[in-house]
């Protein structure tokens, strides 16, 4: 399981976490969140690169 934390890309007040089986699923969820909650029509390429690099193994997976 992979996860992304919105606060890791400069949104310190945002507690959103996207989880998925792979990075593409996580990015789809993060893009939906960006549109809905941050009023972004599209995710700029530089932000997408930063978001992809911030994706990591889920903390839940590390507890097993």
PDB file of N, CA and C in Angstrom:
ATOM      1  N   UNK A   1       0.848  -1.176   0.000  1.00  0.00           N
ATOM      2  CA  UNK A   1       0.000   0.000   0.000  1.00  0.00           C
ATOM      3  C   UNK A   1       0.893   1.238   0.000  1.00  0.00           C
ATOM      4  N   UNK A   2       0.529   2.218  -0.824  1.00  0.00           N
ATOM      5  CA  UNK A   2       1.283   3.470  -0.954  1.00  0.00           C
ATOM      6  C   UNK A   2       0.420   4.613  -0.434  1.00  0.00           C
ATOM      7  N   UNK A   3       1.066   5.705  -0.020  1.00  0.00           N
ATOM      8  CA  UNK A   3       0.301   6.845   0.477  1.00  0.00           C
ATOM      9  C   UNK A   3       1.006   8.162   0.191  1.00  0.00           C
ATOM     10  N   UNK A   4       0.192   9.209   0.146  1.00  0.00           N
ATOM     11  CA  UNK A   4       0.651  10.571  -0.088  1.00  0.00           C
ATOM     12  C   UNK A   4      -0.033  11.470   0.935  1.00  0.00           C
ATOM     13  N   UNK A   5       0.746  12.361   1.538  1.00  0.00           N
ATOM     14  CA  UNK A   5       0.220  13.334   2.499  1.00  0.00           C
ATOM     15  C   UNK A   5       0.305  14.714   1.860  1.00  0.00           C
ATOM     16  N   UNK A   6      -0.820  15.389   1.768  1.00  0.00           N
ATOM     17  CA  UNK A   6      -0.868  16.707   1.133  1.00  0.00           C
ATOM     18  C   UNK A   6       0.098  17.681   1.816  1.00  0.00           C
ATOM     19  N   UNK A   7       0.233  17.586   3.107  1.00  0.00           N
ATOM     20  CA  UNK A   7       1.120  18.503   3.840  1.00  0.00           C
ATOM     21  C   UNK A   7       2.576  18.373   3.392  1.00  0.00           C
ATOM     22  N   UNK A   8       2.936  17.252   2.772  1.00  0.00           N
ATOM     23  CA  UNK A   8       4.316  17.043   2.336  1.00  0.00           C
ATOM     24  C   UNK A   8       4.685  17.858   1.102  1.00  0.00           C
ATOM     25  N   UNK A   9       3.707  18.487   0.461  1.00  0.00           N
ATOM     26  CA  UNK A   9       3.995  19.316  -0.717  1.00  0.00           C
ATOM     27  C   UNK A   9       3.580  20.771  -0.497  1.00  0.00           C
ATOM     28  N   UNK A  10       3.654  21.210   0.739  1.00  0.00           N
ATOM     29  CA  UNK A  10       3.450  22.628   1.016  1.00  0.00           C
ATOM     30  C   UNK A  10       2.067  23.036   1.459  1.00  0.00           C
ATOM     31  N   UNK A  11       1.243  22.097   1.874  1.00  0.00           N
ATOM     32  CA  UNK A  11      -0.087  22.418   2.387  1.00  0.00           C
ATOM     33  C   UNK A  11      -0.132  22.030   3.863  1.00  0.00           C
ATOM     34  N   UNK A  12       0.549  22.783   4.741  1.00  0.00           N
ATOM     35  CA  UNK A  12       0.701  22.370   6.142  1.00  0.00           C
ATOM     36  C   UNK A  12      -0.612  22.243   6.919  1.00  0.00           C
ATOM     37  N   UNK A  13      -1.649  22.941   6.487  1.00  0.00           N
ATOM     38  CA  UNK A  13      -2.926  22.885   7.200  1.00  0.00           C
ATOM     39  C   UNK A  13      -3.860  21.811   6.653  1.00  0.00           C
ATOM     40  N   UNK A  14      -3.405  21.058   5.650  1.00  0.00           N
ATOM     41  CA  UNK A  14      -4.248  20.045   5.024  1.00  0.00           C
ATOM     42  C   UNK A  14      -3.874  18.666   5.556  1.00  0.00           C
ATOM     43  N   UNK A  15      -4.853  17.962   6.070  1.00  0.00           N
ATOM     44  CA  UNK A  15      -4.600  16.641   6.649  1.00  0.00           C
ATOM     45  C   UNK A  15      -4.948  15.495   5.693  1.00  0.00           C
ATOM     46  N   UNK A  16      -5.205  15.817   4.418  1.00  0.00           N
ATOM     47  CA  UNK A  16      -5.582  14.796   3.445  1.00  0.00           C
ATOM     48  C   UNK A  16      -4.466  13.780   3.231  1.00  0.00           C
ATOM     49  N   UNK A  17      -4.853  12.505   3.180  1.00  0.00           N
ATOM     50  CA  UNK A  17      -3.929  11.408   2.866  1.00  0.00           C
ATOM     51  C   UNK A  17      -4.597  10.549   1.799  1.00  0.00           C
ATOM     52  N   UNK A  18      -3.909  10.360   0.682  1.00  0.00           N
ATOM     53  CA  UNK A  18      -4.385   9.470  -0.379  1.00  0.00           C
ATOM     54  C   UNK A  18      -3.656   8.143  -0.243  1.00  0.00           C
ATOM     55  N   UNK A  19      -4.411   7.051  -0.304  1.00  0.00           N
ATOM     56  CA  UNK A  19      -3.819   5.715  -0.223  1.00  0.00           C
ATOM     57  C   UNK A  19      -4.261   4.901  -1.423  1.00  0.00           C
ATOM     58  N   UNK A  20      -3.366   4.031  -1.885  1.00  0.00           N
ATOM     59  CA  UNK A  20      -3.701   3.183  -3.007  1.00  0.00           C
ATOM     60  C   UNK A  20      -2.718   2.047  -3.155  1.00  0.00           C
ATOM     61  N   UNK A  21      -3.048   1.151  -4.070  1.00  0.00           N
ATOM     62  CA  UNK A  21      -2.199  -0.027  -4.277  1.00  0.00           C
ATOM     63  C   UNK A  21      -0.911   0.313  -5.009  1.00  0.00           C
ATOM     64  N   UNK A  22      -0.923   1.425  -5.775  1.00  0.00           N
ATOM     65  CA  UNK A  22       0.282   1.853  -6.483  1.00  0.00           C
ATOM     66  C   UNK A  22       0.291   3.378  -6.613  1.00  0.00           C
ATOM     67  N   UNK A  23       1.390   3.926  -7.125  1.00  0.00           N
ATOM     68  CA  UNK A  23       1.538   5.375  -7.207  1.00  0.00           C
ATOM     69  C   UNK A  23       0.493   6.017  -8.107  1.00  0.00           C
ATOM     70  N   UNK A  24       0.108   5.351  -9.194  1.00  0.00           N
ATOM     71  CA  UNK A  24      -0.890   5.919 -10.097  1.00  0.00           C
ATOM     72  C   UNK A  24      -2.244   6.074  -9.413  1.00  0.00           C
ATOM     73  N   UNK A  25      -2.643   5.081  -8.637  1.00  0.00           N
ATOM     74  CA  UNK A  25      -3.911   5.178  -7.911  1.00  0.00           C
ATOM     75  C   UNK A  25      -3.857   6.309  -6.885  1.00  0.00           C
ATOM     76  N   UNK A  26      -2.736   6.421  -6.195  1.00  0.00           N
ATOM     77  CA  UNK A  26      -2.570   7.499  -5.212  1.00  0.00           C
ATOM     78  C   UNK A  26      -2.657   8.857  -5.912  1.00  0.00           C
ATOM     79  N   UNK A  27      -2.000   9.005  -7.058  1.00  0.00           N
ATOM     80  CA  UNK A  27      -2.023  10.283  -7.776  1.00  0.00           C
ATOM     81  C   UNK A  27      -3.412  10.628  -8.286  1.00  0.00           C
ATOM     82  N   UNK A  28      -4.189   9.637  -8.706  1.00  0.00           N
ATOM     83  CA  UNK A  28      -5.574   9.910  -9.133  1.00  0.00           C
ATOM     84  C   UNK A  28      -6.371  10.486  -7.964  1.00  0.00           C
ATOM     85  N   UNK A  29      -6.230   9.882  -6.803  1.00  0.00           N
ATOM     86  CA  UNK A  29      -6.948  10.359  -5.623  1.00  0.00           C
ATOM     87  C   UNK A  29      -6.466  11.746  -5.205  1.00  0.00           C
ATOM     88  N   UNK A  30      -5.160  11.971  -5.284  1.00  0.00           N
ATOM     89  CA  UNK A  30      -4.604  13.273  -4.924  1.00  0.00           C
ATOM     90  C   UNK A  30      -5.081  14.356  -5.894  1.00  0.00           C
ATOM     91  N   UNK A  31      -5.165  14.041  -7.183  1.00  0.00           N
ATOM     92  CA  UNK A  31      -5.637  15.012  -8.170  1.00  0.00           C
ATOM     93  C   UNK A  31      -7.106  15.362  -7.929  1.00  0.00           C
ATOM     94  N   UNK A  32      -7.921  14.377  -7.600  1.00  0.00           N
ATOM     95  CA  UNK A  32      -9.326  14.639  -7.273  1.00  0.00           C
ATOM     96  C   UNK A  32      -9.425  15.557  -6.059  1.00  0.00           C
ATOM     97  N   UNK A  33      -8.597  15.289  -5.061  1.00  0.00           N
ATOM     98  CA  UNK A  33      -8.573  16.123  -3.857  1.00  0.00           C
ATOM     99  C   UNK A  33      -8.152  17.555  -4.204  1.00  0.00           C
ATOM    100  N   UNK A  34      -7.130  17.704  -5.038  1.00  0.00           N
ATOM    101  CA  UNK A  34      -6.644  19.035  -5.412  1.00  0.00           C
ATOM    102  C   UNK A  34      -7.749  19.835  -6.101  1.00  0.00           C
ATOM    103  N   UNK A  35      -8.509  19.188  -6.977  1.00  0.00           N
ATOM    104  CA  UNK A  35      -9.615  19.872  -7.657  1.00  0.00           C
ATOM    105  C   UNK A  35     -10.699  20.283  -6.676  1.00  0.00           C
ATOM    106  N   UNK A  36     -11.100  19.356  -5.847  1.00  0.00           N
ATOM    107  CA  UNK A  36     -12.228  19.577  -4.952  1.00  0.00           C
ATOM    108  C   UNK A  36     -11.895  20.520  -3.792  1.00  0.00           C
ATOM    109  N   UNK A  37     -10.779  20.271  -3.133  1.00  0.00           N
ATOM    110  CA  UNK A  37     -10.496  20.987  -1.888  1.00  0.00           C
ATOM    111  C   UNK A  37      -9.519  22.147  -2.024  1.00  0.00           C
ATOM    112  N   UNK A  38      -8.747  22.173  -3.108  1.00  0.00           N
ATOM    113  CA  UNK A  38      -7.784  23.269  -3.293  1.00  0.00           C
ATOM    114  C   UNK A  38      -8.094  24.083  -4.547  1.00  0.00           C
ATOM    115  N   UNK A  39      -9.252  23.825  -5.156  1.00  0.00           N
ATOM    116  CA  UNK A  39      -9.736  24.578  -6.319  1.00  0.00           C
ATOM    117  C   UNK A  39      -8.743  24.619  -7.481  1.00  0.00           C
ATOM    118  N   UNK A  40      -8.040  23.518  -7.705  1.00  0.00           N
ATOM    119  CA  UNK A  40      -7.119  23.427  -8.838  1.00  0.00           C
ATOM    120  C   UNK A  40      -7.828  22.713  -9.979  1.00  0.00           C
ATOM    121  N   UNK A  41      -7.889  23.349 -11.125  1.00  0.00           N
ATOM    122  CA  UNK A  41      -8.494  22.692 -12.282  1.00  0.00           C
ATOM    123  C   UNK A  41      -7.582  21.590 -12.814  1.00  0.00           C
ATOM    124  N   UNK A  42      -6.288  21.860 -12.794  1.00  0.00           N
ATOM    125  CA  UNK A  42      -5.288  20.867 -13.174  1.00  0.00           C
ATOM    126  C   UNK A  42      -4.132  20.965 -12.181  1.00  0.00           C
ATOM    127  N   UNK A  43      -3.385  19.893 -12.069  1.00  0.00           N
ATOM    128  CA  UNK A  43      -2.216  19.888 -11.199  1.00  0.00           C
ATOM    129  C   UNK A  43      -1.012  20.279 -12.054  1.00  0.00           C
ATOM    130  N   UNK A  44      -0.352  21.399 -11.712  1.00  0.00           N
ATOM    131  CA  UNK A  44       0.808  21.820 -12.504  1.00  0.00           C
ATOM    132  C   UNK A  44       1.893  20.739 -12.508  1.00  0.00           C
ATOM    133  N   UNK A  45       2.635  20.620 -13.612  1.00  0.00           N
ATOM    134  CA  UNK A  45       3.658  19.574 -13.727  1.00  0.00           C
ATOM    135  C   UNK A  45       4.673  19.563 -12.575  1.00  0.00           C
ATOM    136  N   UNK A  46       5.099  20.733 -12.117  1.00  0.00           N
ATOM    137  CA  UNK A  46       6.079  20.762 -11.027  1.00  0.00           C
ATOM    138  C   UNK A  46       5.485  20.226  -9.734  1.00  0.00           C
ATOM    139  N   UNK A  47       4.220  20.514  -9.475  1.00  0.00           N
ATOM    140  CA  UNK A  47       3.551  19.996  -8.284  1.00  0.00           C
ATOM    141  C   UNK A  47       3.331  18.489  -8.407  1.00  0.00           C
ATOM    142  N   UNK A  48       3.005  18.032  -9.607  1.00  0.00           N
ATOM    143  CA  UNK A  48       2.834  16.591  -9.805  1.00  0.00           C
ATOM    144  C   UNK A  48       4.150  15.857  -9.532  1.00  0.00           C
ATOM    145  N   UNK A  49       5.264  16.409  -9.995  1.00  0.00           N
ATOM    146  CA  UNK A  49       6.573  15.789  -9.738  1.00  0.00           C
ATOM    147  C   UNK A  49       6.866  15.745  -8.238  1.00  0.00           C
ATOM    148  N   UNK A  50       6.592  16.850  -7.545  1.00  0.00           N
ATOM    149  CA  UNK A  50       6.826  16.881  -6.096  1.00  0.00           C
ATOM    150  C   UNK A  50       5.926  15.889  -5.386  1.00  0.00           C
ATOM    151  N   UNK A  51       4.665  15.803  -5.817  1.00  0.00           N
ATOM    152  CA  UNK A  51       3.721  14.875  -5.186  1.00  0.00           C
ATOM    153  C   UNK A  51       4.167  13.431  -5.411  1.00  0.00           C
ATOM    154  N   UNK A  52       4.550  13.101  -6.636  1.00  0.00           N
ATOM    155  CA  UNK A  52       5.003  11.725  -6.910  1.00  0.00           C
ATOM    156  C   UNK A  52       6.225  11.367  -6.069  1.00  0.00           C
ATOM    157  N   UNK A  53       7.120  12.317  -5.880  1.00  0.00           N
ATOM    158  CA  UNK A  53       8.319  12.024  -5.089  1.00  0.00           C
ATOM    159  C   UNK A  53       8.007  11.928  -3.597  1.00  0.00           C
ATOM    160  N   UNK A  54       6.845  12.447  -3.180  1.00  0.00           N
ATOM    161  CA  UNK A  54       6.452  12.390  -1.762  1.00  0.00           C
ATOM    162  C   UNK A  54       5.663  11.120  -1.428  1.00  0.00           C
ATOM    163  N   UNK A  55       5.289  10.335  -2.428  1.00  0.00           N
ATOM    164  CA  UNK A  55       4.561   9.090  -2.179  1.00  0.00           C
ATOM    165  C   UNK A  55       5.500   8.099  -1.512  1.00  0.00           C
ATOM    166  N   UNK A  56       4.984   7.399  -0.519  1.00  0.00           N
ATOM    167  CA  UNK A  56       5.815   6.440   0.219  1.00  0.00           C
ATOM    168  C   UNK A  56       4.995   5.229   0.612  1.00  0.00           C
ATOM    169  N   UNK A  57       5.673   4.240   1.149  1.00  0.00           N
ATOM    170  CA  UNK A  57       4.966   3.080   1.674  1.00  0.00           C
ATOM    171  C   UNK A  57       4.057   3.537   2.800  1.00  0.00           C
ATOM    172  N   UNK A  58       2.882   2.966   2.846  1.00  0.00           N
ATOM    173  CA  UNK A  58       1.918   3.315   3.885  1.00  0.00           C
ATOM    174  C   UNK A  58       2.451   2.953   5.274  1.00  0.00           C
ATOM    175  N   UNK A  59       2.187   3.809   6.229  1.00  0.00           N
ATOM    176  CA  UNK A  59       2.582   3.510   7.602  1.00  0.00           C
ATOM    177  C   UNK A  59       1.865   2.272   8.104  1.00  0.00           C
ATOM    178  N   UNK A  60       0.700   1.978   7.569  1.00  0.00           N
ATOM    179  CA  UNK A  60      -0.028   0.748   7.946  1.00  0.00           C
ATOM    180  C   UNK A  60       0.745  -0.477   7.490  1.00  0.00           C
ATOM    181  N   UNK A  61       1.362  -0.401   6.327  1.00  0.00           N
ATOM    182  CA  UNK A  61       2.131  -1.541   5.806  1.00  0.00           C
ATOM    183  C   UNK A  61       3.370  -1.773   6.661  1.00  0.00           C
ATOM    184  N   UNK A  62       3.918  -0.717   7.233  1.00  0.00           N
ATOM    185  CA  UNK A  62       5.118  -0.847   8.056  1.00  0.00           C
ATOM    186  C   UNK A  62       4.823  -1.499   9.405  1.00  0.00           C
ATOM    187  N   UNK A  63       3.575  -1.512   9.832  1.00  0.00           N
ATOM    188  CA  UNK A  63       3.220  -2.089  11.126  1.00  0.00           C
ATOM    189  C   UNK A  63       3.047  -3.592  11.080  1.00  0.00           C
ATOM    190  N   UNK A  64       3.009  -4.148   9.891  1.00  0.00           N
ATOM    191  CA  UNK A  64       2.765  -5.593   9.761  1.00  0.00           C
ATOM    192  C   UNK A  64       3.993  -6.389  10.048  1.00  0.00           C
TER     193      UNK A  64
END
